[in-house]
Protein backbone atom coordinates (compact mmCIF):
# COMPACT_ATOMS: atom_id res chain seq x y z
CA UNK A 1 -3.20 -9.87 13.74
CA UNK A 2 -5.73 -7.04 13.73
CA UNK A 3 -4.30 -3.59 13.07
CA UNK A 4 -6.71 -0.67 13.60
CA UNK A 5 -7.31 1.62 10.74
CA UNK A 6 -5.89 4.77 12.45
CA UNK A 7 -2.49 3.14 12.48
CA UNK A 8 -2.27 3.63 8.69
CA UNK A 9 -2.65 7.44 8.83
CA UNK A 10 0.60 8.37 7.23
CA UNK A 11 2.25 11.03 9.31
CA UNK A 12 1.13 9.68 12.65
CA UNK A 13 2.44 6.16 11.79
CA UNK A 14 5.66 7.57 10.60
CA UNK A 15 6.20 9.64 13.71
CA UNK A 16 5.42 6.77 15.97
CA UNK A 17 7.78 4.42 14.03
CA UNK A 18 10.69 6.89 13.78
CA UNK A 19 10.28 8.58 17.07
CA UNK A 20 10.45 12.36 17.40
CA UNK A 21 14.17 13.26 16.61
CA UNK A 22 14.27 11.24 13.42
CA UNK A 23 10.74 12.32 12.35
CA UNK A 24 11.78 15.96 12.78
CA UNK A 25 14.87 15.33 10.55
CA UNK A 26 12.57 13.60 7.96
CA UNK A 27 10.05 16.47 7.93
CA UNK A 28 12.89 19.01 7.65
CA UNK A 29 14.33 17.18 4.76
CA UNK A 30 11.01 16.88 3.06
CA UNK A 31 10.33 20.57 3.62
CA UNK A 32 13.56 21.61 2.17
CA UNK A 33 13.07 19.42 -0.92
CA UNK A 34 9.54 20.78 -1.36
CA UNK A 35 10.82 24.30 -1.04
CA UNK A 36 13.57 23.64 -3.58
CA UNK A 37 11.37 22.12 -6.14
CA UNK A 38 8.79 24.79 -5.76
CA UNK A 39 11.50 27.49 -6.33
CA UNK A 40 12.80 25.65 -9.42
CA UNK A 41 9.18 25.44 -10.75
CA UNK A 42 8.60 29.14 -10.19
CA UNK A 43 11.85 29.96 -11.91
CA UNK A 44 11.04 27.83 -14.83
CA UNK A 45 7.62 29.28 -15.31
CA UNK A 46 7.25 32.39 -17.29
CA UNK A 47 4.07 34.52 -17.78
CA UNK A 48 3.03 32.42 -20.95
CA UNK A 49 2.94 29.13 -19.03
CA UNK A 50 -0.01 28.40 -16.76
CA UNK A 51 0.13 24.70 -16.04
CA UNK A 52 2.68 22.11 -15.08
CA UNK A 53 2.36 20.38 -18.42
CA UNK A 54 3.19 23.67 -20.32
CA UNK A 55 6.33 24.02 -18.11
CA UNK A 56 7.46 20.38 -18.88
CA UNK A 57 6.67 20.89 -22.58
CA UNK A 58 8.93 23.84 -22.69
CA UNK A 59 11.73 22.17 -20.74
CA UNK A 60 11.50 18.54 -21.77
CA UNK A 61 9.55 18.70 -25.00
CA UNK A 62 6.03 18.10 -26.12
CA UNK A 63 6.11 14.23 -25.97
CA UNK A 64 7.30 14.21 -22.33
CA UNK A 65 4.52 16.54 -21.33
CA UNK A 66 2.00 14.63 -23.27
CA UNK A 67 3.02 11.04 -22.29
CA UNK A 68 4.41 11.49 -18.81
CA UNK A 69 3.10 14.65 -17.09
CA UNK A 70 -0.55 14.71 -18.15
CA UNK A 71 -1.21 10.95 -17.42
CA UNK A 72 0.55 11.35 -13.96
CA UNK A 73 -1.62 14.29 -13.16
CA UNK A 74 -4.75 12.53 -14.21
CA UNK A 75 -3.68 9.45 -12.09
CA UNK A 76 -2.89 11.64 -9.10
CA UNK A 77 -5.93 13.87 -9.11
CA UNK A 78 -8.71 11.48 -10.19
CA UNK A 79 -7.55 8.06 -8.97
CA UNK A 80 -5.13 8.34 -5.91
CA UNK A 81 -6.45 11.49 -4.27
CA UNK A 82 -9.91 10.19 -3.58
CA UNK A 83 -8.46 6.97 -2.10
CA UNK A 84 -6.23 9.04 0.20
CA UNK A 85 -9.21 11.15 1.31
CA UNK A 86 -11.38 8.13 2.05
CA UNK A 87 -8.54 6.38 3.97
CA UNK A 88 -7.76 9.51 5.91
CA UNK A 89 -11.42 10.08 6.80
CA UNK A 90 -11.69 6.45 8.02
CA UNK A 91 -8.53 6.78 10.10
CA UNK A 92 -9.76 10.17 11.60
CA UNK A 93 -13.00 8.59 12.45
CA UNK A 94 -11.35 5.67 14.24
CA UNK A 95 -9.23 8.23 16.20
CA UNK A 96 -12.30 10.28 17.00
CA UNK A 97 -14.08 7.09 18.30
CA UNK A 98 -11.17 6.23 20.62
CA UNK A 99 -11.32 9.54 22.39
CA UNK A 100 -14.69 9.41 23.81
CA UNK A 101 -16.06 6.02 22.80
CA UNK A 102 -18.32 7.33 20.18
CA UNK A 103 -17.79 9.45 17.21
CA UNK A 104 -18.41 13.13 17.35
CA UNK A 105 -18.35 13.54 13.56
CA UNK A 106 -19.54 11.19 10.92
CA UNK A 107 -17.24 9.91 8.21
CA UNK A 108 -18.63 12.30 5.58
CA UNK A 109 -17.60 15.20 7.76
CA UNK A 110 -14.14 13.87 8.24
CA UNK A 111 -13.90 13.41 4.38
CA UNK A 112 -14.51 17.23 4.00
CA UNK A 113 -11.89 17.98 6.77
CA UNK A 114 -9.21 15.62 5.23
CA UNK A 115 -9.94 17.02 1.67
CA UNK A 116 -9.25 20.60 2.74
């Protein structure tokens, strides 16, 4: 069975699957968790710390920051994030093509929009 690329755009797919009431509850929960963890990170950070790995080093120790936090940051920023940008741009281009039958913006422009 063929599944169009725009179906896999994360939030749109989750909203269609969960329907609006459950999706609103999910987004509220995610927002509360994000706010809470950001508040904890701000409370943990002092003026001498400027990166996540420095905060983790002060809280959990040098080995945790060196072997867990830094590889995770590398994996996220240099491996996963470009994949998400490309997939999001492809999905947005598919949605753009559905609206009028032809694409108003090329995929390179959608990559810029998704990355911002």
